[in-house]
Amino acid sequence: MPKLQVFREGRKLAVIDIVSSELVIGRDPTAGLRIDDPLASRRHARLVAINGRFHIEDMGASNGLFVNGVREYNKPLSSGDRVEIGKHMLVYEQSPGEMIYADDELDTADRIPAIDPEQEGGMQTQHISPADMAKLRRQVQTQMEPHLIQEGIRPPRIHPLKHSRNAIGTGGDCELRIPEVGKKEAAVFERQADGSFVAKKAGLFGSLKVNGQKTSEIELSDGDKLEIGGANFTYRAGQKEP
């Protein structure tokens, strides 16, 4: 059965089974998949089964519909495609060779509960400039990958872990140059074969605490709190493409 993984600003909220041949997505209380996002329109987009595949269609969205970073109006989906609606990202999953068959539209009684209900459904859509929308898309996509969120500053800063080895400190050779750390090289993040990360104290003078405990080496879990030199971070494991 096809699915949608639902994320908001990089945080995974839910996995939704697509049980209907047509699914409206938006802020409207009658939408099959309701997302309370001020950048989403009331009826932003819809999934519809056409010739054995799901297509995503723009329903006149004020801020547009983007798939894999490209503005789209009607696009057939493949497994792993990322549908961007405001601060939400929907990752489409479909098993190889799986066919989609038309059936009855989703009944109101079976409607999927609202996702992340932080806003009132009757609110007006907030319009955002193309430049700001592009910035938002880059931010959300970045948060889908493993990253550190630097706490104690406003706004919190996001540091993607892009490399197999990521040194953090003030030194010019560090992949993550962060002045607040206060040490030339305080810690190193190394990617494992399974995509997870191990944090290590760098040399004799490194500085690393994880969840309040000093450590020289530890495999990280999503949500771990880190103190590196004079700076504090939260580790996020992100979400890879299916």
Protein backbone atom coordinates (compact mmCIF):
# COMPACT_ATOMS: atom_id res chain seq x y z
CA MET A 1 0.00 0.00 0.00
CA PRO A 2 1.44 3.43 -0.92
CA LYS A 3 2.34 5.69 2.00
CA LEU A 4 3.25 9.25 2.84
CA GLN A 5 5.86 10.03 5.47
CA VAL A 6 4.91 13.42 6.93
CA PHE A 7 7.60 15.81 8.20
CA ARG A 8 7.42 19.36 9.55
CA GLU A 9 10.70 21.30 9.51
CA GLY A 10 12.61 18.02 9.42
CA ARG A 11 10.77 16.32 12.30
CA LYS A 12 8.89 13.17 11.38
CA LEU A 13 5.25 13.42 12.44
CA ALA A 14 3.48 10.42 10.95
CA VAL A 15 3.36 7.70 8.31
CA ILE A 16 0.04 7.72 6.41
CA ASP A 17 -1.39 4.81 4.40
CA ILE A 18 -3.00 6.10 1.18
CA VAL A 19 -6.27 4.18 1.21
CA SER A 20 -8.13 6.22 -1.41
CA SER A 21 -7.67 6.90 -5.11
CA GLU A 22 -8.05 10.62 -4.35
CA LEU A 23 -6.67 12.50 -1.35
CA VAL A 24 -6.92 16.28 -0.89
CA ILE A 25 -4.13 17.87 1.16
CA GLY A 26 -4.45 21.26 2.84
CA ARG A 27 -5.74 23.30 5.78
CA ASP A 28 -9.42 22.81 5.04
CA PRO A 29 -11.18 20.76 7.75
CA THR A 30 -12.71 18.63 4.97
CA ALA A 31 -9.34 17.74 3.44
CA GLY A 32 -8.49 14.04 3.54
CA LEU A 33 -5.02 14.92 4.89
CA ARG A 34 -5.27 18.15 6.85
CA ILE A 35 -2.04 19.98 7.67
CA ASP A 36 -2.24 23.12 9.80
CA ASP A 37 0.49 25.15 8.16
CA PRO A 38 0.11 28.93 7.65
CA LEU A 39 1.92 28.64 4.30
CA ALA A 40 -0.49 26.00 3.00
CA SER A 41 -3.73 26.80 1.18
CA ARG A 42 -7.05 25.40 2.36
CA ARG A 43 -7.06 22.99 -0.60
CA HIS A 44 -3.41 23.01 -1.55
CA ALA A 45 -2.92 19.83 -3.56
CA ARG A 46 -4.40 16.43 -4.20
CA LEU A 47 -3.17 12.92 -4.87
CA VAL A 48 -5.13 11.19 -7.60
CA ALA A 49 -4.73 7.74 -9.15
CA ILE A 50 -4.29 7.90 -12.93
CA ASN A 51 -3.38 4.87 -15.06
CA GLY A 52 -1.98 2.90 -12.17
CA ARG A 53 0.11 5.71 -10.63
CA PHE A 54 -0.48 8.45 -8.13
CA HIS A 55 -0.15 11.99 -9.45
CA ILE A 56 0.19 15.10 -7.29
CA GLU A 57 -1.80 18.10 -8.56
CA ASP A 58 -1.65 21.76 -7.59
CA MET A 59 -5.16 22.96 -6.63
CA GLY A 60 -4.33 26.65 -7.01
CA ALA A 61 -2.01 26.86 -4.01
CA SER A 62 -1.04 30.44 -3.12
CA ASN A 63 2.58 29.51 -2.37
CA GLY A 64 2.89 26.82 -5.00
CA LEU A 65 3.56 23.09 -4.99
CA PHE A 66 7.11 21.76 -5.18
CA VAL A 67 8.30 18.21 -5.81
CA ASN A 68 11.99 17.51 -5.22
CA GLY A 69 12.60 21.26 -5.21
CA VAL A 70 10.93 21.93 -8.57
CA ARG A 71 7.68 23.89 -9.06
CA GLU A 72 5.07 21.42 -10.31
CA TYR A 73 1.41 21.56 -11.31
CA ASN A 74 0.72 17.91 -12.14
CA LYS A 75 3.38 15.28 -11.67
CA PRO A 76 3.33 11.46 -11.47
CA LEU A 77 5.06 10.33 -8.30
CA SER A 78 7.81 7.77 -7.85
CA SER A 79 8.85 6.22 -4.56
CA GLY A 80 11.14 8.61 -2.68
CA ASP A 81 9.72 11.79 -4.24
CA ARG A 82 9.48 14.69 -1.79
CA VAL A 83 6.39 16.87 -1.93
CA GLU A 84 6.93 20.26 -0.28
CA ILE A 85 3.95 22.15 1.13
CA GLY A 86 4.95 25.14 3.25
CA LYS A 87 6.93 23.90 6.23
CA HIS A 88 5.79 20.34 5.62
CA MET A 89 7.46 17.71 3.49
CA LEU A 90 5.66 14.55 2.38
CA VAL A 91 7.86 11.66 1.24
CA TYR A 92 5.99 9.28 -1.07
CA GLU A 93 6.59 5.53 -0.76
CA GLN A 94 5.45 2.84 -3.17
CA SER A 95 6.68 -0.75 -3.42
CA PRO A 96 8.33 -1.79 -6.72
CA GLY A 97 5.75 -3.06 -9.21
CA GLU A 98 2.81 -2.01 -7.03
CA MET A 99 -0.21 -0.86 -9.04
CA ILE A 100 -2.75 1.73 -7.94
CA TYR A 101 -6.42 0.99 -8.55
CA ALA A 102 -9.27 3.49 -8.47
CA ASP A 103 -11.74 3.06 -5.63
CA ASP A 104 -14.26 5.12 -3.71
CA GLU A 105 -13.19 8.51 -2.38
CA LEU A 106 -12.19 8.56 1.26
CA ASP A 107 -15.28 8.78 3.48
CA THR A 108 -15.50 11.60 6.00
CA ALA A 109 -15.70 9.08 8.83
CA ASP A 110 -12.36 7.58 7.71
CA ARG A 111 -10.59 10.88 7.18
CA ILE A 112 -7.02 11.02 8.41
CA PRO A 113 -6.70 13.17 11.58
CA ALA A 114 -5.17 16.61 11.18
CA ILE A 115 -1.37 16.60 11.21
CA ASP A 116 0.37 18.87 13.72
CA PRO A 117 -2.71 20.94 14.65
CA GLU A 118 -0.99 24.15 15.78
CA GLN A 119 -3.09 26.61 13.80
CA GLU A 120 -6.80 27.22 13.29
CA GLY A 121 -8.18 25.81 10.04
CA GLY A 122 -10.01 29.07 9.20
CA MET A 123 -6.85 31.18 9.14
CA GLN A 124 -5.77 33.09 6.02
CA THR A 125 -2.87 31.71 4.02
CA GLN A 126 0.34 33.63 4.63
CA HIS A 127 1.97 34.57 1.33
CA ILE A 128 5.73 34.18 1.09
CA SER A 129 8.12 35.59 -1.51
CA PRO A 130 9.84 33.24 -3.99
CA ALA A 131 13.22 33.96 -2.37
CA ASP A 132 11.91 33.17 1.11
CA MET A 133 10.17 30.04 -0.21
CA ALA A 134 13.44 28.84 -1.76
CA LYS A 135 15.21 29.46 1.55
CA LEU A 136 12.52 27.55 3.43
CA ARG A 137 12.77 24.60 1.01
CA ARG A 138 16.54 24.43 1.47
CA GLN A 139 16.13 24.52 5.24
CA VAL A 140 13.54 21.74 5.31
CA GLN A 141 15.57 19.56 2.95
CA THR A 142 18.69 20.11 5.06
CA GLN A 143 16.82 18.97 8.15
CA MET A 144 15.93 15.71 6.41
CA GLU A 145 19.62 14.74 6.68
CA PRO A 146 21.66 14.17 9.88
CA HIS A 147 22.43 17.52 11.51
CA LEU A 148 23.20 19.38 14.71
CA ILE A 149 20.91 22.10 16.04
CA GLN A 150 22.93 24.69 17.93
CA GLU A 151 20.98 25.72 21.00
CA GLY A 152 21.27 28.83 23.16
CA ILE A 153 21.22 31.24 20.23
CA ARG A 154 18.30 32.85 18.42
CA PRO A 155 17.36 31.56 16.00
CA PRO A 156 18.91 28.12 16.60
CA ARG A 157 21.50 27.35 13.93
CA ILE A 158 21.47 24.15 11.87
CA HIS A 159 24.76 22.41 11.01
CA PRO A 160 24.40 19.55 8.48
CA LEU A 161 26.72 16.57 8.86
CA LYS A 162 27.61 16.35 5.18
CA HIS A 163 30.87 14.43 5.30
CA SER A 164 32.02 11.01 6.46
CA ARG A 165 34.20 12.85 8.99
CA ASN A 166 33.05 16.17 10.46
CA ALA A 167 35.42 17.96 12.83
CA ILE A 168 33.86 20.69 14.95
CA GLY A 169 35.78 23.63 16.39
CA THR A 170 37.25 27.02 15.49
CA GLY A 171 40.15 25.77 13.35
CA GLY A 172 40.31 26.47 9.64
CA ASP A 173 40.46 22.74 8.85
CA CYS A 174 37.20 21.97 10.66
CA GLU A 175 34.21 21.06 8.53
CA LEU A 176 32.01 22.72 11.17
CA ARG A 177 33.63 26.02 12.14
CA ILE A 178 31.69 27.30 15.13
CA PRO A 179 33.22 30.17 17.16
CA GLU A 180 31.10 29.41 20.24
CA VAL A 181 32.87 26.05 20.68
CA GLY A 182 36.00 27.92 21.75
CA LYS A 183 38.48 25.17 20.86
CA LYS A 184 40.48 24.66 17.68
CA GLU A 185 39.12 21.11 17.35
CA ALA A 186 36.83 19.85 20.11
CA ALA A 187 35.09 16.79 18.66
CA VAL A 188 34.67 14.70 15.54
CA PHE A 189 31.53 13.11 14.06
CA GLU A 190 32.18 10.00 11.95
CA ARG A 191 29.57 8.37 9.72
CA GLN A 192 29.16 4.60 10.09
CA ALA A 193 28.31 2.12 7.34
CA ASP A 194 24.62 2.14 8.36
CA GLY A 195 24.42 5.94 8.16
CA SER A 196 24.53 6.54 11.92
CA PHE A 197 27.11 8.82 13.52
CA VAL A 198 29.68 8.28 16.27
CA ALA A 199 30.88 11.33 18.22
CA LYS A 200 34.48 11.33 19.48
CA LYS A 201 36.45 13.71 21.63
CA ALA A 202 39.25 15.21 19.56
CA GLY A 203 42.66 14.39 21.03
CA LEU A 204 43.76 15.19 24.57
CA PHE A 205 42.26 18.65 24.65
CA GLY A 206 38.91 17.92 23.08
CA SER A 207 35.65 18.49 24.92
CA LEU A 208 32.53 16.31 24.64
CA LYS A 209 29.53 15.65 26.86
CA VAL A 210 26.49 13.69 25.71
CA ASN A 211 23.31 13.91 27.78
CA GLY A 212 25.28 15.46 30.63
CA GLN A 213 27.99 12.75 30.76
CA LYS A 214 31.60 13.22 29.71
CA THR A 215 32.63 10.72 27.05
CA SER A 216 35.46 10.05 24.65
CA GLU A 217 33.36 8.14 22.09
CA ILE A 218 29.67 7.31 21.71
CA GLU A 219 27.19 6.28 19.01
CA LEU A 220 24.55 8.99 18.77
CA SER A 221 20.78 8.57 18.91
CA ASP A 222 18.19 11.01 17.62
CA GLY A 223 17.57 13.75 20.18
CA ASP A 224 20.86 13.37 22.10
CA LYS A 225 21.99 16.56 23.85
CA LEU A 226 25.63 17.48 23.33
CA GLU A 227 27.94 19.96 25.02
CA ILE A 228 31.01 20.62 22.89
CA GLY A 229 33.42 23.17 24.30
CA GLY A 230 31.32 26.21 25.09
CA ALA A 231 28.37 25.37 22.84
CA ASN A 232 25.28 23.17 23.16
CA PHE A 233 23.64 21.10 20.44
CA THR A 234 20.86 18.62 19.77
CA TYR A 235 21.63 15.77 17.38
CA ARG A 236 19.00 14.91 14.78
CA ALA A 237 19.40 11.72 12.78
CA GLY A 238 17.26 13.06 9.92
CA GLN A 239 15.46 10.84 7.46
CA LYS A 240 16.93 9.22 4.38
CA GLU A 241 15.03 8.55 1.20
CA PRO A 242 13.24 5.17 1.28
